[in-house]
Structures are given as C-alpha cells and as structure tokens.
Amino acid sequence: MPPKFDPTVVHYVYVRCYGGEAPATASLAPKTGPLGLSPKKVADDIVKATVKEHKGIRVTCKLTIQNRQARVEVVPSASSLIIKALKEPPRDRKKVKHIKHSGNLPLQTIIELARTMRAHDRSKSMKLEGTVKEMLGTAQSVGCLIEKQPPHDIIDKIKSGEIEIPEE
C-alpha cells in the first residue's frame, strides 16, 4: 500500500520547453503523475504562463507543486533573456529553422540582464563583473553584437580594465 499523501509537502519540478507551446505529455507524465497531477492540465498551465512574454523562446519552467496544485514560474536563462532583449519577432519553430540572432545590444542592457540573473540565483559568479562576462559569452554564442563589437572584445576590455562594471 502506498504511503499517505501529505498536503503540506512542496515538490519542485523543472521542465524545459518552448514558450507558448505545451511540452509533450510523455515528458511530463513521469514527473507529475506520481504527484497526483494530470500532465494535460500542467501543460495548459505552462502554456498560459509562457505565451505572452516568451513565445517561441526555449525557457525553463519551475513547477511548484503543493496539495496537488501546480504553480508555474518561468526561470530566466541567459540565452532566453538575450534573445528577448533583441526584440525579434516570434518564430514558428516548425517552419523557420537555424535562425541567426543578428542584432546589437548596448552594454547597459547586458548589465541589467546580469542583474536579473543574479536576482534569480542563476549565476555562479561572485561579482557582477563575472556575471556580465557570462552574459557576454552567451551573447557570443547566440550571435549578436554588443555596441557594434563582438562580445569577446568587450570581455577583453573588461579584463584589461578599459571598461568598468559597477559593483551590484
């Protein structure tokens, strides 16, 4: 006989999916089924939480499950924040493949995104400067420019001291 269901226990489940689209119920069922939740209902909740701001961008969703109720929270990743900051139109991932995220962002935007990452405990760096370097590395892999320069040039200028990053 299974143990009694405790309504006070809080479970956290992380799901990576495209914003505005329901994740596959086959991937949700093993995670939410044992907790007494319907994967279809959880998928609908995820769609509602991500459809406005994160449509077409791959994001991580944190499901907080307590007393058989799921609360969806979008956890920002560096790449999703940068793609959102580029203000590109939402794409249909079934039709448009291998998109190039060519764009230009000011350094101040990268600093603000780094502060967002620190506020959500998503950065492993001890200082804001290190988090900005993490964001610049992600910007390089996404393929955008920072103040019309490659992001790695900005990283080199931060290391040499030409560019000052404020403390927090």
N, C-alpha and C. Protein backbone atom coordinates (compact mmCIF):
# COMPACT_ATOMS: atom_id res chain seq x y z
N MET A 1 0.84 -1.18 0.00
CA MET A 1 0.00 0.00 0.00
C MET A 1 0.89 1.25 0.00
N PRO A 2 0.61 2.23 -0.89
CA PRO A 2 1.45 3.42 -0.95
C PRO A 2 1.28 4.28 0.30
N PRO A 3 2.28 5.11 0.60
CA PRO A 3 2.16 5.96 1.79
C PRO A 3 1.06 7.01 1.61
N LYS A 4 0.62 7.54 2.74
CA LYS A 4 -0.43 8.56 2.72
C LYS A 4 0.07 9.82 2.03
N PHE A 5 -0.81 10.53 1.33
CA PHE A 5 -0.48 11.77 0.65
C PHE A 5 -0.42 12.90 1.68
N ASP A 6 0.73 13.59 1.74
CA ASP A 6 0.91 14.69 2.69
C ASP A 6 0.68 16.02 1.96
N PRO A 7 -0.38 16.77 2.28
CA PRO A 7 -0.67 18.00 1.54
C PRO A 7 0.28 19.16 1.83
N THR A 8 1.11 19.07 2.86
CA THR A 8 1.99 20.19 3.20
C THR A 8 3.34 20.12 2.49
N VAL A 9 3.68 18.97 1.90
CA VAL A 9 4.97 18.81 1.24
C VAL A 9 4.98 19.60 -0.07
N VAL A 10 6.07 20.33 -0.32
CA VAL A 10 6.23 21.09 -1.55
C VAL A 10 7.24 20.38 -2.43
N HIS A 11 6.86 20.11 -3.69
CA HIS A 11 7.75 19.48 -4.67
C HIS A 11 8.07 20.50 -5.75
N TYR A 12 9.32 20.43 -6.26
CA TYR A 12 9.73 21.29 -7.37
C TYR A 12 10.07 20.42 -8.55
N VAL A 13 9.52 20.77 -9.72
CA VAL A 13 9.79 20.05 -10.96
C VAL A 13 10.21 21.09 -11.99
N TYR A 14 11.31 20.83 -12.69
CA TYR A 14 11.79 21.74 -13.72
C TYR A 14 11.54 21.12 -15.09
N VAL A 15 10.98 21.92 -16.00
CA VAL A 15 10.67 21.47 -17.35
C VAL A 15 11.21 22.51 -18.32
N ARG A 16 11.90 22.05 -19.36
CA ARG A 16 12.41 22.96 -20.39
C ARG A 16 11.52 22.82 -21.61
N CYS A 17 10.93 23.94 -22.06
CA CYS A 17 10.01 23.87 -23.19
C CYS A 17 10.00 25.20 -23.93
N TYR A 18 9.35 25.20 -25.10
CA TYR A 18 9.21 26.43 -25.87
C TYR A 18 8.05 27.24 -25.33
N GLY A 19 8.24 28.54 -25.21
CA GLY A 19 7.20 29.42 -24.69
C GLY A 19 5.99 29.44 -25.60
N GLY A 20 4.81 29.34 -25.01
CA GLY A 20 3.58 29.36 -25.78
C GLY A 20 3.18 28.02 -26.34
N GLU A 21 4.02 26.99 -26.14
CA GLU A 21 3.71 25.65 -26.63
C GLU A 21 3.69 24.69 -25.46
N ALA A 22 2.80 23.73 -25.54
CA ALA A 22 2.71 22.73 -24.47
C ALA A 22 3.84 21.73 -24.60
N PRO A 23 4.53 21.42 -23.50
CA PRO A 23 5.53 20.36 -23.59
C PRO A 23 4.84 19.02 -23.80
N ALA A 24 5.57 18.07 -24.31
CA ALA A 24 4.98 16.76 -24.59
C ALA A 24 4.49 16.12 -23.29
N THR A 25 3.27 15.62 -23.32
CA THR A 25 2.73 14.98 -22.11
C THR A 25 3.53 13.75 -21.76
N ALA A 26 4.21 13.14 -22.74
CA ALA A 26 5.05 11.98 -22.46
C ALA A 26 6.23 12.36 -21.57
N SER A 27 6.72 13.60 -21.67
CA SER A 27 7.82 14.01 -20.80
C SER A 27 7.31 14.51 -19.45
N LEU A 28 6.06 15.00 -19.41
CA LEU A 28 5.50 15.49 -18.15
C LEU A 28 4.95 14.37 -17.27
N ALA A 29 4.42 13.32 -17.89
CA ALA A 29 3.73 12.27 -17.13
C ALA A 29 4.60 11.62 -16.06
N PRO A 30 5.85 11.21 -16.36
CA PRO A 30 6.66 10.58 -15.30
C PRO A 30 7.04 11.55 -14.17
N LYS A 31 7.01 12.86 -14.45
CA LYS A 31 7.40 13.83 -13.44
C LYS A 31 6.21 14.24 -12.56
N THR A 32 5.04 14.42 -13.18
CA THR A 32 3.89 14.93 -12.43
C THR A 32 2.89 13.84 -12.04
N GLY A 33 2.90 12.72 -12.73
CA GLY A 33 1.95 11.63 -12.43
C GLY A 33 2.04 11.12 -11.01
N PRO A 34 3.24 10.81 -10.51
CA PRO A 34 3.35 10.31 -9.13
C PRO A 34 2.92 11.33 -8.07
N LEU A 35 2.86 12.61 -8.45
CA LEU A 35 2.44 13.64 -7.51
C LEU A 35 0.94 13.89 -7.56
N GLY A 36 0.23 13.13 -8.39
CA GLY A 36 -1.22 13.22 -8.45
C GLY A 36 -1.74 14.32 -9.35
N LEU A 37 -0.93 14.73 -10.34
CA LEU A 37 -1.35 15.79 -11.25
C LEU A 37 -1.56 15.24 -12.66
N SER A 38 -2.50 15.82 -13.37
CA SER A 38 -2.73 15.45 -14.76
C SER A 38 -1.71 16.17 -15.64
N PRO A 39 -0.96 15.45 -16.48
CA PRO A 39 0.03 16.10 -17.35
C PRO A 39 -0.61 17.09 -18.31
N LYS A 40 -1.82 16.81 -18.76
CA LYS A 40 -2.52 17.70 -19.69
C LYS A 40 -2.83 19.05 -19.02
N LYS A 41 -3.28 19.01 -17.77
CA LYS A 41 -3.60 20.23 -17.04
C LYS A 41 -2.34 21.05 -16.77
N VAL A 42 -1.25 20.37 -16.42
CA VAL A 42 0.03 21.05 -16.17
C VAL A 42 0.53 21.70 -17.46
N ALA A 43 0.39 21.00 -18.59
CA ALA A 43 0.83 21.55 -19.87
C ALA A 43 0.04 22.81 -20.21
N ASP A 44 -1.26 22.82 -19.94
CA ASP A 44 -2.09 24.01 -20.18
C ASP A 44 -1.64 25.17 -19.29
N ASP A 45 -1.29 24.89 -18.04
CA ASP A 45 -0.81 25.93 -17.14
C ASP A 45 0.51 26.53 -17.65
N ILE A 46 1.40 25.67 -18.18
CA ILE A 46 2.68 26.13 -18.71
C ILE A 46 2.46 27.04 -19.91
N VAL A 47 1.52 26.65 -20.79
CA VAL A 47 1.22 27.47 -21.96
C VAL A 47 0.71 28.84 -21.53
N LYS A 48 -0.20 28.88 -20.54
CA LYS A 48 -0.73 30.16 -20.06
C LYS A 48 0.37 31.05 -19.50
N ALA A 49 1.32 30.47 -18.80
CA ALA A 49 2.38 31.26 -18.15
C ALA A 49 3.42 31.78 -19.13
N THR A 50 3.60 31.08 -20.27
CA THR A 50 4.69 31.45 -21.17
C THR A 50 4.25 32.11 -22.47
N VAL A 51 2.96 32.14 -22.75
CA VAL A 51 2.51 32.57 -24.09
C VAL A 51 2.75 34.05 -24.34
N LYS A 52 2.68 34.92 -23.34
CA LYS A 52 2.79 36.36 -23.57
C LYS A 52 4.23 36.81 -23.82
N GLU A 53 5.09 36.57 -22.85
CA GLU A 53 6.44 37.15 -22.92
C GLU A 53 7.46 36.27 -23.62
N HIS A 54 7.28 34.97 -23.61
CA HIS A 54 8.34 34.06 -24.07
C HIS A 54 7.93 33.24 -25.28
N LYS A 55 7.04 33.73 -26.11
CA LYS A 55 6.53 32.95 -27.24
C LYS A 55 7.67 32.62 -28.21
N GLY A 56 7.86 31.33 -28.47
CA GLY A 56 8.86 30.88 -29.42
C GLY A 56 10.27 30.77 -28.87
N ILE A 57 10.49 31.14 -27.61
CA ILE A 57 11.82 31.07 -27.00
C ILE A 57 11.83 29.88 -26.04
N ARG A 58 12.92 29.13 -26.07
CA ARG A 58 13.04 27.98 -25.18
C ARG A 58 13.36 28.46 -23.77
N VAL A 59 12.49 28.12 -22.81
CA VAL A 59 12.65 28.59 -21.43
C VAL A 59 12.54 27.40 -20.47
N THR A 60 13.04 27.62 -19.26
CA THR A 60 12.90 26.64 -18.18
C THR A 60 11.75 27.06 -17.30
N CYS A 61 10.83 26.14 -17.04
CA CYS A 61 9.69 26.43 -16.17
C CYS A 61 9.86 25.65 -14.87
N LYS A 62 9.66 26.35 -13.77
CA LYS A 62 9.74 25.73 -12.45
C LYS A 62 8.31 25.51 -11.96
N LEU A 63 7.95 24.25 -11.74
CA LEU A 63 6.63 23.91 -11.23
C LEU A 63 6.73 23.72 -9.73
N THR A 64 6.01 24.52 -8.98
CA THR A 64 5.95 24.37 -7.53
C THR A 64 4.65 23.64 -7.23
N ILE A 65 4.76 22.42 -6.74
CA ILE A 65 3.58 21.58 -6.54
C ILE A 65 3.33 21.40 -5.05
N GLN A 66 2.16 21.82 -4.60
CA GLN A 66 1.75 21.65 -3.21
C GLN A 66 0.26 21.36 -3.18
N ASN A 67 -0.11 20.33 -2.44
CA ASN A 67 -1.50 19.94 -2.27
C ASN A 67 -2.19 19.72 -3.63
N ARG A 68 -1.48 19.06 -4.54
CA ARG A 68 -1.97 18.73 -5.89
C ARG A 68 -2.34 19.96 -6.71
N GLN A 69 -1.69 21.07 -6.43
CA GLN A 69 -1.86 22.29 -7.21
C GLN A 69 -0.49 22.70 -7.74
N ALA A 70 -0.40 22.96 -9.03
CA ALA A 70 0.86 23.35 -9.65
C ALA A 70 0.87 24.85 -9.92
N ARG A 71 1.96 25.51 -9.52
CA ARG A 71 2.16 26.92 -9.80
C ARG A 71 3.36 27.02 -10.73
N VAL A 72 3.20 27.66 -11.86
CA VAL A 72 4.25 27.74 -12.88
C VAL A 72 4.99 29.06 -12.75
N GLU A 73 6.33 28.97 -12.78
CA GLU A 73 7.17 30.16 -12.71
C GLU A 73 8.24 29.99 -13.79
N VAL A 74 8.44 31.01 -14.61
CA VAL A 74 9.45 30.94 -15.66
C VAL A 74 10.78 31.37 -15.07
N VAL A 75 11.78 30.49 -15.15
CA VAL A 75 13.12 30.77 -14.63
C VAL A 75 13.96 31.27 -15.80
N PRO A 76 14.52 32.48 -15.72
CA PRO A 76 15.23 33.03 -16.87
C PRO A 76 16.58 32.34 -17.08
N SER A 77 16.89 32.07 -18.34
CA SER A 77 18.23 31.60 -18.68
C SER A 77 18.91 32.73 -19.45
N ALA A 78 20.23 32.69 -19.52
CA ALA A 78 20.96 33.77 -20.17
C ALA A 78 20.56 33.91 -21.63
N SER A 79 20.46 32.79 -22.34
CA SER A 79 20.14 32.87 -23.77
C SER A 79 18.73 33.38 -24.00
N SER A 80 17.76 32.96 -23.18
CA SER A 80 16.39 33.43 -23.39
C SER A 80 16.28 34.92 -23.09
N LEU A 81 17.02 35.41 -22.09
CA LEU A 81 17.00 36.85 -21.78
C LEU A 81 17.60 37.67 -22.92
N ILE A 82 18.70 37.17 -23.49
CA ILE A 82 19.36 37.90 -24.58
C ILE A 82 18.47 37.91 -25.82
N ILE A 83 17.88 36.78 -26.17
CA ILE A 83 17.01 36.71 -27.35
C ILE A 83 15.80 37.61 -27.16
N LYS A 84 15.27 37.65 -25.93
CA LYS A 84 14.13 38.53 -25.64
C LYS A 84 14.55 40.00 -25.75
N ALA A 85 15.78 40.33 -25.32
CA ALA A 85 16.25 41.71 -25.38
C ALA A 85 16.49 42.16 -26.82
N LEU A 86 16.74 41.22 -27.73
CA LEU A 86 16.94 41.58 -29.14
C LEU A 86 15.63 41.98 -29.81
N LYS A 87 14.49 41.70 -29.14
CA LYS A 87 13.15 42.07 -29.63
C LYS A 87 12.89 41.53 -31.03
N GLU A 88 13.25 40.27 -31.25
CA GLU A 88 12.96 39.65 -32.54
C GLU A 88 11.51 39.19 -32.56
N PRO A 89 10.90 39.15 -33.74
CA PRO A 89 9.51 38.67 -33.80
C PRO A 89 9.44 37.19 -33.46
N PRO A 90 8.34 36.74 -32.86
CA PRO A 90 8.24 35.31 -32.54
C PRO A 90 8.27 34.47 -33.82
N ARG A 91 8.93 33.33 -33.73
CA ARG A 91 9.07 32.48 -34.92
C ARG A 91 8.30 31.19 -34.72
N ASP A 92 7.92 30.60 -35.82
CA ASP A 92 7.30 29.28 -35.79
C ASP A 92 8.42 28.26 -35.94
N ARG A 93 8.73 27.55 -34.90
CA ARG A 93 9.90 26.68 -34.92
C ARG A 93 9.75 25.50 -35.86
N LYS A 94 8.54 25.21 -36.30
CA LYS A 94 8.34 24.11 -37.25
C LYS A 94 8.67 24.53 -38.67
N LYS A 95 8.55 25.83 -38.97
CA LYS A 95 8.79 26.33 -40.32
C LYS A 95 10.16 26.98 -40.46
N VAL A 96 10.57 27.79 -39.47
CA VAL A 96 11.83 28.54 -39.54
C VAL A 96 12.88 27.81 -38.74
N LYS A 97 13.90 27.29 -39.42
CA LYS A 97 14.96 26.54 -38.75
C LYS A 97 16.27 27.32 -38.77
N HIS A 98 17.16 27.02 -37.84
CA HIS A 98 18.54 27.56 -37.77
C HIS A 98 18.55 29.07 -37.92
N ILE A 99 17.88 29.75 -37.02
CA ILE A 99 17.77 31.20 -37.09
C ILE A 99 19.06 31.85 -36.58
N LYS A 100 19.47 32.93 -37.27
CA LYS A 100 20.62 33.71 -36.83
C LYS A 100 20.10 34.90 -36.05
N HIS A 101 20.59 35.06 -34.83
CA HIS A 101 20.14 36.16 -33.98
C HIS A 101 21.08 37.33 -34.14
N SER A 102 21.07 37.94 -35.32
CA SER A 102 21.95 39.08 -35.55
C SER A 102 21.25 40.33 -35.02
N GLY A 103 21.92 41.01 -34.16
CA GLY A 103 21.37 42.23 -33.57
C GLY A 103 22.45 42.94 -32.79
N ASN A 104 22.10 44.06 -32.24
CA ASN A 104 23.06 44.85 -31.49
C ASN A 104 22.42 45.26 -30.16
N LEU A 105 23.13 45.02 -29.07
CA LEU A 105 22.64 45.39 -27.74
C LEU A 105 23.62 46.34 -27.07
N PRO A 106 23.13 47.32 -26.32
CA PRO A 106 24.05 48.16 -25.55
C PRO A 106 24.57 47.40 -24.32
N LEU A 107 25.74 47.81 -23.85
CA LEU A 107 26.34 47.16 -22.68
C LEU A 107 25.46 47.32 -21.45
N GLN A 108 24.74 48.45 -21.35
CA GLN A 108 23.87 48.69 -20.19
C GLN A 108 22.78 47.63 -20.12
N THR A 109 22.26 47.20 -21.28
CA THR A 109 21.24 46.14 -21.30
C THR A 109 21.83 44.84 -20.78
N ILE A 110 23.06 44.53 -21.16
CA ILE A 110 23.72 43.30 -20.69
C ILE A 110 23.90 43.36 -19.18
N ILE A 111 24.24 44.53 -18.64
CA ILE A 111 24.40 44.68 -17.19
C ILE A 111 23.06 44.45 -16.48
N GLU A 112 21.98 45.00 -17.06
CA GLU A 112 20.65 44.79 -16.47
C GLU A 112 20.26 43.31 -16.52
N LEU A 113 20.55 42.63 -17.63
CA LEU A 113 20.25 41.19 -17.73
C LEU A 113 21.07 40.39 -16.72
N ALA A 114 22.31 40.82 -16.49
CA ALA A 114 23.16 40.15 -15.50
C ALA A 114 22.58 40.33 -14.09
N ARG A 115 22.03 41.50 -13.81
CA ARG A 115 21.39 41.73 -12.50
C ARG A 115 20.17 40.83 -12.35
N THR A 116 19.41 40.64 -13.43
CA THR A 116 18.26 39.74 -13.40
C THR A 116 18.70 38.32 -13.09
N MET A 117 19.79 37.89 -13.72
CA MET A 117 20.31 36.53 -13.49
C MET A 117 20.73 36.37 -12.02
N ARG A 118 21.37 37.40 -11.46
CA ARG A 118 21.80 37.32 -10.07
C ARG A 118 20.60 37.32 -9.12
N ALA A 119 19.55 38.06 -9.47
CA ALA A 119 18.36 38.12 -8.62
C ALA A 119 17.66 36.75 -8.54
N HIS A 120 17.77 35.97 -9.62
CA HIS A 120 17.13 34.65 -9.65
C HIS A 120 18.11 33.53 -9.28
N ASP A 121 19.29 33.88 -8.77
CA ASP A 121 20.32 32.90 -8.38
C ASP A 121 20.68 31.96 -9.53
N ARG A 122 20.81 32.49 -10.74
CA ARG A 122 21.15 31.68 -11.90
C ARG A 122 22.62 31.83 -12.29
N SER A 123 23.36 32.66 -11.60
CA SER A 123 24.76 32.88 -11.92
C SER A 123 25.63 32.27 -10.82
N LYS A 124 26.73 31.69 -11.23
CA LYS A 124 27.66 31.10 -10.27
C LYS A 124 28.78 32.07 -9.89
N SER A 125 28.77 33.26 -10.45
CA SER A 125 29.83 34.22 -10.22
C SER A 125 29.65 34.93 -8.88
N MET A 126 30.78 35.35 -8.30
CA MET A 126 30.73 36.04 -7.01
C MET A 126 30.45 37.53 -7.18
N LYS A 127 30.88 38.12 -8.30
CA LYS A 127 30.71 39.55 -8.54
C LYS A 127 29.85 39.77 -9.78
N LEU A 128 29.31 40.97 -9.88
CA LEU A 128 28.50 41.33 -11.05
C LEU A 128 29.35 41.29 -12.31
N GLU A 129 30.63 41.65 -12.19
CA GLU A 129 31.53 41.63 -13.34
C GLU A 129 31.60 40.24 -13.97
N GLY A 130 31.68 39.21 -13.13
CA GLY A 130 31.72 37.85 -13.64
C GLY A 130 30.42 37.44 -14.31
N THR A 131 29.30 37.91 -13.77
CA THR A 131 28.00 37.60 -14.37
C THR A 131 27.87 38.30 -15.72
N VAL A 132 28.39 39.53 -15.83
CA VAL A 132 28.37 40.25 -17.11
C VAL A 132 29.20 39.48 -18.13
N LYS A 133 30.34 38.94 -17.72
CA LYS A 133 31.16 38.14 -18.63
C LYS A 133 30.42 36.88 -19.07
N GLU A 134 29.67 36.25 -18.15
CA GLU A 134 28.85 35.09 -18.52
C GLU A 134 27.84 35.48 -19.58
N MET A 135 27.18 36.63 -19.39
CA MET A 135 26.17 37.09 -20.34
C MET A 135 26.81 37.42 -21.69
N LEU A 136 28.01 38.01 -21.67
CA LEU A 136 28.70 38.32 -22.92
C LEU A 136 29.10 37.05 -23.66
N GLY A 137 29.51 36.04 -22.93
CA GLY A 137 29.83 34.75 -23.57
C GLY A 137 28.60 34.13 -24.21
N THR A 138 27.47 34.25 -23.53
CA THR A 138 26.22 33.74 -24.10
C THR A 138 25.82 34.55 -25.32
N ALA A 139 26.03 35.87 -25.27
CA ALA A 139 25.72 36.73 -26.42
C ALA A 139 26.57 36.33 -27.63
N GLN A 140 27.81 35.93 -27.37
CA GLN A 140 28.68 35.49 -28.46
C GLN A 140 28.14 34.21 -29.08
N SER A 141 27.70 33.27 -28.24
CA SER A 141 27.21 32.01 -28.79
C SER A 141 25.85 32.18 -29.47
N VAL A 142 25.04 33.17 -29.02
CA VAL A 142 23.77 33.47 -29.68
C VAL A 142 24.04 34.11 -31.04
N GLY A 143 25.07 34.95 -31.12
CA GLY A 143 25.46 35.53 -32.40
C GLY A 143 25.16 37.01 -32.54
N CYS A 144 24.96 37.72 -31.43
CA CYS A 144 24.66 39.15 -31.54
C CYS A 144 25.90 39.97 -31.20
N LEU A 145 25.82 41.27 -31.46
CA LEU A 145 26.91 42.19 -31.18
C LEU A 145 26.57 43.03 -29.96
N ILE A 146 27.61 43.52 -29.28
CA ILE A 146 27.44 44.42 -28.15
C ILE A 146 28.09 45.74 -28.52
N GLU A 147 27.28 46.80 -28.63
CA GLU A 147 27.75 48.12 -29.05
C GLU A 147 28.57 48.04 -30.34
N LYS A 148 28.05 47.28 -31.29
CA LYS A 148 28.64 47.09 -32.63
C LYS A 148 30.04 46.46 -32.59
N GLN A 149 30.33 45.70 -31.54
CA GLN A 149 31.60 44.98 -31.42
C GLN A 149 31.29 43.53 -31.07
N PRO A 150 32.19 42.62 -31.42
CA PRO A 150 32.00 41.24 -30.98
C PRO A 150 32.06 41.17 -29.44
N PRO A 151 31.25 40.34 -28.82
CA PRO A 151 31.22 40.29 -27.35
C PRO A 151 32.56 39.95 -26.73
N HIS A 152 33.39 39.16 -27.43
CA HIS A 152 34.67 38.78 -26.82
C HIS A 152 35.61 39.96 -26.70
N ASP A 153 35.49 40.94 -27.59
CA ASP A 153 36.29 42.16 -27.47
C ASP A 153 35.91 42.93 -26.21
N ILE A 154 34.63 42.96 -25.88
CA ILE A 154 34.16 43.62 -24.66
C ILE A 154 34.70 42.88 -23.44
N ILE A 155 34.70 41.55 -23.49
CA ILE A 155 35.24 40.74 -22.37
C ILE A 155 36.71 41.09 -22.15
N ASP A 156 37.48 41.19 -23.25
CA ASP A 156 38.90 41.54 -23.13
C ASP A 156 39.09 42.92 -22.53
N LYS A 157 38.21 43.88 -22.91
CA LYS A 157 38.31 45.24 -22.35
C LYS A 157 37.96 45.26 -20.87
N ILE A 158 37.01 44.41 -20.45
CA ILE A 158 36.66 44.33 -19.02
C ILE A 158 37.84 43.75 -18.24
N LYS A 159 38.48 42.71 -18.80
CA LYS A 159 39.63 42.09 -18.13
C LYS A 159 40.80 43.05 -18.00
N SER A 160 41.04 43.87 -19.05
CA SER A 160 42.18 44.80 -19.01
C SER A 160 41.87 46.05 -18.19
N GLY A 161 40.61 46.30 -17.90
CA GLY A 161 40.25 47.45 -17.07
C GLY A 161 39.78 48.67 -17.86
N GLU A 162 39.69 48.56 -19.19
CA GLU A 162 39.23 49.69 -20.01
C GLU A 162 37.75 49.99 -19.74
N ILE A 163 36.98 48.95 -19.49
CA ILE A 163 35.56 49.12 -19.20
C ILE A 163 35.33 48.73 -17.74
N GLU A 164 34.70 49.63 -16.98
CA GLU A 164 34.41 49.38 -15.57
C GLU A 164 32.98 48.87 -15.43
N ILE A 165 32.81 47.80 -14.69
CA ILE A 165 31.48 47.27 -14.38
C ILE A 165 31.18 47.67 -12.94
N PRO A 166 30.03 48.32 -12.68
CA PRO A 166 29.73 48.75 -11.30
C PRO A 166 29.52 47.56 -10.38
N GLU A 167 29.75 47.79 -9.10
CA GLU A 167 29.50 46.75 -8.09
C GLU A 167 28.01 46.73 -7.78
N GLU A 168 27.38 45.64 -8.08
CA GLU A 168 25.94 45.44 -7.85
C GLU A 168 25.21 46.62 -8.33
